[in-house]
Amino acid sequence: MIIGLTQMLHDDFGIDFHNPDLLDEAFTHASYANEHKREHLKYYERIEFLGDAVMQLCVSEYLFKRYPLMPEGKLSRLRAAMVREESFSKFAVECHFDEYIRLGKGEEKSNARQRPALLCDIFEAFIGALYLDQGKDEVVRFIQRVVFPKLDMGWYDQLLDHKTELQEFLQQSGERTIVYKEIGETGPDNDKHYAMEVSVDGKVIGKGEGHSKKAAEQAAAFQALKELRG
């Protein structure tokens, strides 16, 4: 199982672990270790503790740099949405990590492999293992591919309502006509990329791109806010 994991990481993400024992630890559940006591196996809980802290740091740094105008409270809410169980469990399945967890027979029968809490823990444990093996830069490279694109795909639009923020900012001086217009579309049908512009009273004030039209509109509104606020 772990051999298959190392091959998958190499093929899908270009990651080659220097110390495969870290992967063994990150993907081993306590129930499996208890059933193989003679092997003196370590299981994921300690390394997951580290991975949680590493993710908090990396996501915080990314959001801080990406949204220079966003207040602390909103940054905190967005980070909380990105590092919660629901998000991490989805990332784990997307990366096929669920297929490589070493479980005891009882846990396997109880469908623990599909349990969101466990999937979240395993994702964090992998991050901890990657950090110990190759450092923060490699962790950032991995989550830039797996986690951060979800912002552009609209996963967290409810916390990134730049359109409403722009409307409220512009209408402080009275009613304004705000229009969003698609100005470009690239990529195959299963991976479209859209470009949008936003204009106020006929004047273009911002442009943005995203993997959905809504995400591109939000990006255009964010760019407009940045320009208007200087």
C-alpha atoms as a PDB file:
ATOM      1  CA  MET A   1       0.000   0.000   0.000  1.00  0.00           C
ATOM      2  CA  ILE A   2       2.763   2.469   0.936  1.00  0.00           C
ATOM      3  CA  ILE A   3       4.711   1.538  -2.207  1.00  0.00           C
ATOM      4  CA  GLY A   4       1.660   2.493  -4.229  1.00  0.00           C
ATOM      5  CA  LEU A   5       1.456   5.769  -2.331  1.00  0.00           C
ATOM      6  CA  THR A   6       5.054   6.726  -3.072  1.00  0.00           C
ATOM      7  CA  GLN A   7       4.506   5.976  -6.755  1.00  0.00           C
ATOM      8  CA  MET A   8       1.308   8.038  -6.827  1.00  0.00           C
ATOM      9  CA  LEU A   9       3.037  10.987  -5.153  1.00  0.00           C
ATOM     10  CA  HIS A  10       5.826  10.807  -7.694  1.00  0.00           C
ATOM     11  CA  ASP A  11       3.511  10.515 -10.698  1.00  0.00           C
ATOM     12  CA  ASP A  12       0.828  13.015  -9.657  1.00  0.00           C
ATOM     13  CA  PHE A  13       2.781  15.608  -7.681  1.00  0.00           C
ATOM     14  CA  GLY A  14       6.465  15.099  -8.451  1.00  0.00           C
ATOM     15  CA  ILE A  15       7.160  14.372  -4.785  1.00  0.00           C
ATOM     16  CA  ASP A  16       9.810  11.823  -3.777  1.00  0.00           C
ATOM     17  CA  PHE A  17      10.206  11.271  -0.051  1.00  0.00           C
ATOM     18  CA  HIS A  18      13.741  10.982   1.294  1.00  0.00           C
ATOM     19  CA  ASN A  19      12.457   9.176   4.396  1.00  0.00           C
ATOM     20  CA  PRO A  20       9.570   6.830   3.503  1.00  0.00           C
ATOM     21  CA  ASP A  21       9.140   5.987   7.204  1.00  0.00           C
ATOM     22  CA  LEU A  22       7.465   9.381   7.590  1.00  0.00           C
ATOM     23  CA  LEU A  23       4.831   8.345   5.063  1.00  0.00           C
ATOM     24  CA  ASP A  24       4.325   5.044   6.876  1.00  0.00           C
ATOM     25  CA  GLU A  25       3.661   6.979  10.068  1.00  0.00           C
ATOM     26  CA  ALA A  26       1.381   9.560   8.445  1.00  0.00           C
ATOM     27  CA  PHE A  27      -0.884   6.967   6.832  1.00  0.00           C
ATOM     28  CA  THR A  28      -1.052   4.432   9.680  1.00  0.00           C
ATOM     29  CA  HIS A  29      -4.072   4.399  11.998  1.00  0.00           C
ATOM     30  CA  ALA A  30      -3.711   3.331  15.629  1.00  0.00           C
ATOM     31  CA  SER A  31      -5.972   0.337  14.977  1.00  0.00           C
ATOM     32  CA  TYR A  32      -3.529  -1.011  12.385  1.00  0.00           C
ATOM     33  CA  ALA A  33      -0.552  -0.445  14.673  1.00  0.00           C
ATOM     34  CA  ASN A  34      -2.339  -2.317  17.477  1.00  0.00           C
ATOM     35  CA  GLU A  35      -2.943  -5.299  15.188  1.00  0.00           C
ATOM     36  CA  HIS A  36       0.759  -5.390  14.233  1.00  0.00           C
ATOM     37  CA  LYS A  37       2.405  -4.776  17.594  1.00  0.00           C
ATOM     38  CA  ARG A  38       5.496  -6.802  16.744  1.00  0.00           C
ATOM     39  CA  GLU A  39       6.364  -4.259  14.063  1.00  0.00           C
ATOM     40  CA  HIS A  40       6.418  -1.381  16.609  1.00  0.00           C
ATOM     41  CA  LEU A  41       4.677   0.923  14.166  1.00  0.00           C
ATOM     42  CA  LYS A  42       4.134   4.609  14.725  1.00  0.00           C
ATOM     43  CA  TYR A  43       0.748   6.060  13.814  1.00  0.00           C
ATOM     44  CA  TYR A  44      -0.358   9.428  12.493  1.00  0.00           C
ATOM     45  CA  GLU A  45      -1.541  11.411  15.531  1.00  0.00           C
ATOM     46  CA  ARG A  46       1.738  13.104  16.518  1.00  0.00           C
ATOM     47  CA  ILE A  47       2.697  13.989  12.966  1.00  0.00           C
ATOM     48  CA  GLU A  48      -0.847  15.229  12.307  1.00  0.00           C
ATOM     49  CA  PHE A  49      -0.412  17.667  15.209  1.00  0.00           C
ATOM     50  CA  LEU A  50       2.579  19.172  13.408  1.00  0.00           C
ATOM     51  CA  GLY A  51       0.831  19.220  10.046  1.00  0.00           C
ATOM     52  CA  ASP A  52      -2.066  21.197  11.479  1.00  0.00           C
ATOM     53  CA  ALA A  53       0.322  23.917  12.671  1.00  0.00           C
ATOM     54  CA  VAL A  54       2.174  23.992   9.345  1.00  0.00           C
ATOM     55  CA  MET A  55      -1.085  24.398   7.418  1.00  0.00           C
ATOM     56  CA  GLN A  56      -2.221  27.208   9.701  1.00  0.00           C
ATOM     57  CA  LEU A  57       1.042  29.051   9.028  1.00  0.00           C
ATOM     58  CA  CYS A  58       1.134  28.481   5.262  1.00  0.00           C
ATOM     59  CA  VAL A  59      -2.499  29.428   4.706  1.00  0.00           C
ATOM     60  CA  SER A  60      -2.184  32.493   6.959  1.00  0.00           C
ATOM     61  CA  GLU A  61       0.873  33.712   5.061  1.00  0.00           C
ATOM     62  CA  TYR A  62      -0.775  33.137   1.683  1.00  0.00           C
ATOM     63  CA  LEU A  63      -3.977  34.986   2.611  1.00  0.00           C
ATOM     64  CA  PHE A  64      -2.026  37.841   4.199  1.00  0.00           C
ATOM     65  CA  LYS A  65      -0.116  38.404   0.953  1.00  0.00           C
ATOM     66  CA  ARG A  66      -2.995  37.753  -1.451  1.00  0.00           C
ATOM     67  CA  TYR A  67      -5.492  40.066   0.259  1.00  0.00           C
ATOM     68  CA  PRO A  68      -3.512  43.105   1.461  1.00  0.00           C
ATOM     69  CA  LEU A  69      -6.669  45.125   2.115  1.00  0.00           C
ATOM     70  CA  MET A  70      -8.634  42.452   3.956  1.00  0.00           C
ATOM     71  CA  PRO A  71      -9.135  43.156   7.689  1.00  0.00           C
ATOM     72  CA  GLU A  72      -7.913  40.698  10.322  1.00  0.00           C
ATOM     73  CA  GLY A  73     -11.370  39.423  11.230  1.00  0.00           C
ATOM     74  CA  LYS A  74     -12.207  38.480   7.660  1.00  0.00           C
ATOM     75  CA  LEU A  75      -8.788  36.883   7.164  1.00  0.00           C
ATOM     76  CA  SER A  76      -9.398  34.768  10.257  1.00  0.00           C
ATOM     77  CA  ARG A  77     -12.803  33.611   9.027  1.00  0.00           C
ATOM     78  CA  LEU A  78     -11.429  32.728   5.604  1.00  0.00           C
ATOM     79  CA  ARG A  79      -8.506  30.804   7.098  1.00  0.00           C
ATOM     80  CA  ALA A  80     -10.893  28.926   9.393  1.00  0.00           C
ATOM     81  CA  ALA A  81     -12.977  27.892   6.372  1.00  0.00           C
ATOM     82  CA  MET A  82      -9.928  26.677   4.479  1.00  0.00           C
ATOM     83  CA  VAL A  83      -8.334  24.637   7.275  1.00  0.00           C
ATOM     84  CA  ARG A  84     -11.457  23.008   8.659  1.00  0.00           C
ATOM     85  CA  GLU A  85     -12.398  19.328   8.545  1.00  0.00           C
ATOM     86  CA  GLU A  86     -14.805  19.660   5.623  1.00  0.00           C
ATOM     87  CA  SER A  87     -12.155  21.214   3.379  1.00  0.00           C
ATOM     88  CA  PHE A  88      -9.276  18.936   4.335  1.00  0.00           C
ATOM     89  CA  SER A  89     -11.349  15.783   3.954  1.00  0.00           C
ATOM     90  CA  LYS A  90     -12.229  16.844   0.399  1.00  0.00           C
ATOM     91  CA  PHE A  91      -8.574  17.545  -0.378  1.00  0.00           C
ATOM     92  CA  ALA A  92      -7.635  14.099   0.952  1.00  0.00           C
ATOM     93  CA  VAL A  93     -10.095  12.367  -1.367  1.00  0.00           C
ATOM     94  CA  GLU A  94      -9.072  14.561  -4.303  1.00  0.00           C
ATOM     95  CA  CYS A  95      -5.459  13.457  -3.738  1.00  0.00           C
ATOM     96  CA  HIS A  96      -6.565   9.790  -3.353  1.00  0.00           C
ATOM     97  CA  PHE A  97      -5.099   9.665   0.158  1.00  0.00           C
ATOM     98  CA  ASP A  98      -8.140   7.694   1.322  1.00  0.00           C
ATOM     99  CA  GLU A  99      -6.943   4.731  -0.725  1.00  0.00           C
ATOM    100  CA  TYR A 100      -3.661   4.414   1.172  1.00  0.00           C
ATOM    101  CA  ILE A 101      -4.668   4.605   4.853  1.00  0.00           C
ATOM    102  CA  ARG A 102      -3.585   1.546   6.836  1.00  0.00           C
ATOM    103  CA  LEU A 103      -6.553   0.557   9.019  1.00  0.00           C
ATOM    104  CA  GLY A 104      -7.274  -2.246  11.436  1.00  0.00           C
ATOM    105  CA  LYS A 105      -9.890  -4.781  10.375  1.00  0.00           C
ATOM    106  CA  GLY A 106     -12.574  -3.334  12.653  1.00  0.00           C
ATOM    107  CA  GLU A 107     -12.072   0.214  11.420  1.00  0.00           C
ATOM    108  CA  GLU A 108     -12.084  -1.010   7.843  1.00  0.00           C
ATOM    109  CA  LYS A 109     -15.414  -2.756   8.349  1.00  0.00           C
ATOM    110  CA  SER A 110     -16.905   0.394   9.891  1.00  0.00           C
ATOM    111  CA  ASN A 111     -16.049   2.397   6.751  1.00  0.00           C
ATOM    112  CA  ALA A 112     -13.545   4.585   8.588  1.00  0.00           C
ATOM    113  CA  ARG A 113     -11.840   5.182   5.252  1.00  0.00           C
ATOM    114  CA  GLN A 114     -14.742   7.481   4.289  1.00  0.00           C
ATOM    115  CA  ARG A 115     -14.950   9.250   7.655  1.00  0.00           C
ATOM    116  CA  PRO A 116     -14.360  13.016   7.187  1.00  0.00           C
ATOM    117  CA  ALA A 117     -12.584  13.400  10.547  1.00  0.00           C
ATOM    118  CA  LEU A 118     -10.073  10.693   9.685  1.00  0.00           C
ATOM    119  CA  LEU A 119      -9.549  11.998   6.157  1.00  0.00           C
ATOM    120  CA  CYS A 120      -8.864  15.445   7.586  1.00  0.00           C
ATOM    121  CA  ASP A 121      -6.336  14.004  10.047  1.00  0.00           C
ATOM    122  CA  ILE A 122      -4.558  12.043   7.320  1.00  0.00           C
ATOM    123  CA  PHE A 123      -4.281  15.115   5.108  1.00  0.00           C
ATOM    124  CA  GLU A 124      -2.726  17.062   7.972  1.00  0.00           C
ATOM    125  CA  ALA A 125      -0.444  14.127   8.794  1.00  0.00           C
ATOM    126  CA  PHE A 126       0.782  14.085   5.200  1.00  0.00           C
ATOM    127  CA  ILE A 127       1.540  17.799   5.417  1.00  0.00           C
ATOM    128  CA  GLY A 128       3.486  17.166   8.624  1.00  0.00           C
ATOM    129  CA  ALA A 129       5.433  14.352   6.996  1.00  0.00           C
ATOM    130  CA  LEU A 130       6.215  16.465   3.916  1.00  0.00           C
ATOM    131  CA  TYR A 131       7.366  19.343   6.121  1.00  0.00           C
ATOM    132  CA  LEU A 132       9.717  17.097   8.107  1.00  0.00           C
ATOM    133  CA  ASP A 133      11.062  15.454   4.963  1.00  0.00           C
ATOM    134  CA  GLN A 134      11.483  18.441   2.657  1.00  0.00           C
ATOM    135  CA  GLY A 135      10.657  21.659   4.480  1.00  0.00           C
ATOM    136  CA  LYS A 136       8.141  24.459   4.205  1.00  0.00           C
ATOM    137  CA  ASP A 137       8.855  25.400   0.576  1.00  0.00           C
ATOM    138  CA  GLU A 138       7.789  21.957  -0.647  1.00  0.00           C
ATOM    139  CA  VAL A 139       4.639  22.118   1.484  1.00  0.00           C
ATOM    140  CA  VAL A 140       3.792  25.483  -0.063  1.00  0.00           C
ATOM    141  CA  ARG A 141       4.378  24.086  -3.560  1.00  0.00           C
ATOM    142  CA  PHE A 142       2.003  21.206  -2.835  1.00  0.00           C
ATOM    143  CA  ILE A 143      -0.806  23.312  -1.375  1.00  0.00           C
ATOM    144  CA  GLN A 144      -0.432  25.887  -4.144  1.00  0.00           C
ATOM    145  CA  ARG A 145      -1.525  23.082  -6.437  1.00  0.00           C
ATOM    146  CA  VAL A 146      -4.153  21.415  -4.230  1.00  0.00           C
ATOM    147  CA  VAL A 147      -5.579  24.009  -1.826  1.00  0.00           C
ATOM    148  CA  PHE A 148      -5.156  27.577  -3.016  1.00  0.00           C
ATOM    149  CA  PRO A 149      -6.821  27.150  -6.459  1.00  0.00           C
ATOM    150  CA  LYS A 150     -10.082  26.473  -4.611  1.00  0.00           C
ATOM    151  CA  LEU A 151     -10.306  30.206  -3.900  1.00  0.00           C
ATOM    152  CA  ASP A 152     -10.495  30.874  -7.647  1.00  0.00           C
ATOM    153  CA  MET A 153     -12.951  28.016  -8.107  1.00  0.00           C
ATOM    154  CA  GLY A 154     -15.439  29.676  -5.775  1.00  0.00           C
ATOM    155  CA  TRP A 155     -15.252  27.311  -2.777  1.00  0.00           C
ATOM    156  CA  TYR A 156     -15.172  30.219  -0.354  1.00  0.00           C
ATOM    157  CA  ASP A 157     -17.182  32.859  -2.200  1.00  0.00           C
ATOM    158  CA  GLN A 158     -19.499  33.304   0.787  1.00  0.00           C
ATOM    159  CA  LEU A 159     -16.510  34.751   2.667  1.00  0.00           C
ATOM    160  CA  LEU A 160     -15.084  36.665  -0.297  1.00  0.00           C
ATOM    161  CA  ASP A 161     -17.999  38.836  -1.352  1.00  0.00           C
ATOM    162  CA  HIS A 162     -15.946  41.580  -2.982  1.00  0.00           C
ATOM    163  CA  LYS A 163     -18.880  42.422  -5.267  1.00  0.00           C
ATOM    164  CA  THR A 164     -21.055  43.511  -2.359  1.00  0.00           C
ATOM    165  CA  GLU A 165     -18.099  45.320  -0.804  1.00  0.00           C
ATOM    166  CA  LEU A 166     -17.467  47.195  -4.061  1.00  0.00           C
ATOM    167  CA  GLN A 167     -21.146  48.093  -4.421  1.00  0.00           C
ATOM    168  CA  GLU A 168     -21.292  49.484  -0.898  1.00  0.00           C
ATOM    169  CA  PHE A 169     -18.069  51.431  -1.427  1.00  0.00           C
ATOM    170  CA  LEU A 170     -19.249  53.018  -4.693  1.00  0.00           C
ATOM    171  CA  GLN A 171     -22.756  53.827  -3.505  1.00  0.00           C
ATOM    172  CA  GLN A 172     -21.510  55.882  -0.578  1.00  0.00           C
ATOM    173  CA  SER A 173     -21.750  58.842  -2.961  1.00  0.00           C
ATOM    174  CA  GLY A 174     -25.117  57.836  -4.418  1.00  0.00           C
ATOM    175  CA  GLU A 175     -26.552  55.293  -6.834  1.00  0.00           C
ATOM    176  CA  ARG A 176     -24.087  53.972  -9.427  1.00  0.00           C
ATOM    177  CA  THR A 177     -24.536  51.596 -12.351  1.00  0.00           C
ATOM    178  CA  ILE A 178     -22.194  48.625 -11.916  1.00  0.00           C
ATOM    179  CA  VAL A 179     -21.848  46.133 -14.784  1.00  0.00           C
ATOM    180  CA  TYR A 180     -19.800  42.926 -15.051  1.00  0.00           C
ATOM    181  CA  LYS A 181     -18.851  41.734 -18.538  1.00  0.00           C
ATOM    182  CA  GLU A 182     -17.082  38.606 -19.763  1.00  0.00           C
ATOM    183  CA  ILE A 183     -14.043  39.565 -21.858  1.00  0.00           C
ATOM    184  CA  GLY A 184     -12.357  36.216 -22.395  1.00  0.00           C
ATOM    185  CA  GLU A 185     -12.584  32.452 -22.070  1.00  0.00           C
ATOM    186  CA  THR A 186      -9.764  29.920 -22.386  1.00  0.00           C
ATOM    187  CA  GLY A 187      -9.130  26.237 -21.749  1.00  0.00           C
ATOM    188  CA  PRO A 188     -10.958  22.979 -22.524  1.00  0.00           C
ATOM    189  CA  ASP A 189     -14.560  22.370 -21.456  1.00  0.00           C
ATOM    190  CA  ASN A 190     -13.493  20.540 -18.277  1.00  0.00           C
ATOM    191  CA  ASP A 191     -11.070  23.296 -17.219  1.00  0.00           C
ATOM    192  CA  LYS A 192     -12.415  26.649 -18.365  1.00  0.00           C
ATOM    193  CA  HIS A 193     -10.754  29.894 -17.329  1.00  0.00           C
ATOM    194  CA  TYR A 194     -12.757  33.115 -17.520  1.00  0.00           C
ATOM    195  CA  ALA A 195     -11.819  36.793 -17.666  1.00  0.00           C
ATOM    196  CA  MET A 196     -14.263  39.480 -16.525  1.00  0.00           C
ATOM    197  CA  GLU A 197     -14.258  43.251 -16.247  1.00  0.00           C
ATOM    198  CA  VAL A 198     -16.318  45.500 -14.030  1.00  0.00           C
ATOM    199  CA  SER A 199     -17.382  48.996 -15.016  1.00  0.00           C
ATOM    200  CA  VAL A 200     -19.129  51.767 -13.130  1.00  0.00           C
ATOM    201  CA  ASP A 201     -21.212  54.286 -15.046  1.00  0.00           C
ATOM    202  CA  GLY A 202     -19.627  53.018 -18.283  1.00  0.00           C
ATOM    203  CA  LYS A 203     -15.983  53.208 -17.104  1.00  0.00           C
ATOM    204  CA  VAL A 204     -13.934  50.029 -16.604  1.00  0.00           C
ATOM    205  CA  ILE A 205     -12.464  50.028 -13.102  1.00  0.00           C
ATOM    206  CA  GLY A 206     -11.215  46.463 -12.674  1.00  0.00           C
ATOM    207  CA  LYS A 207     -10.451  43.146 -14.366  1.00  0.00           C
ATOM    208  CA  GLY A 208     -10.092  39.625 -12.986  1.00  0.00           C
ATOM    209  CA  GLU A 209      -9.786  35.960 -13.865  1.00  0.00           C
ATOM    210  CA  GLY A 210     -11.032  32.702 -12.359  1.00  0.00           C
ATOM    211  CA  HIS A 211     -12.098  29.122 -12.984  1.00  0.00           C
ATOM    212  CA  SER A 212     -15.756  30.190 -12.927  1.00  0.00           C
ATOM    213  CA  LYS A 213     -17.533  33.347 -14.030  1.00  0.00           C
ATOM    214  CA  LYS A 214     -18.501  34.110 -10.443  1.00  0.00           C
ATOM    215  CA  ALA A 215     -14.912  33.738  -9.269  1.00  0.00           C
ATOM    216  CA  ALA A 216     -13.725  36.003 -12.108  1.00  0.00           C
ATOM    217  CA  GLU A 217     -16.322  38.622 -11.135  1.00  0.00           C
ATOM    218  CA  GLN A 218     -15.114  38.493  -7.549  1.00  0.00           C
ATOM    219  CA  ALA A 219     -11.520  38.902  -8.738  1.00  0.00           C
ATOM    220  CA  ALA A 220     -12.503  41.901 -10.882  1.00  0.00           C
ATOM    221  CA  ALA A 221     -14.322  43.500  -7.948  1.00  0.00           C
ATOM    222  CA  PHE A 222     -11.314  42.906  -5.692  1.00  0.00           C
ATOM    223  CA  GLN A 223      -8.988  44.540  -8.235  1.00  0.00           C
ATOM    224  CA  ALA A 224     -11.352  47.511  -8.525  1.00  0.00           C
ATOM    225  CA  LEU A 225     -11.424  47.947  -4.744  1.00  0.00           C
ATOM    226  CA  LYS A 226      -7.647  47.813  -4.614  1.00  0.00           C
ATOM    227  CA  GLU A 227      -7.347  50.536  -7.258  1.00  0.00           C
ATOM    228  CA  LEU A 228     -10.044  52.752  -5.773  1.00  0.00           C
ATOM    229  CA  ARG A 229      -8.566  52.609  -2.289  1.00  0.00           C
ATOM    230  CA  GLY A 230      -5.067  53.228  -3.564  1.00  0.00           C
END
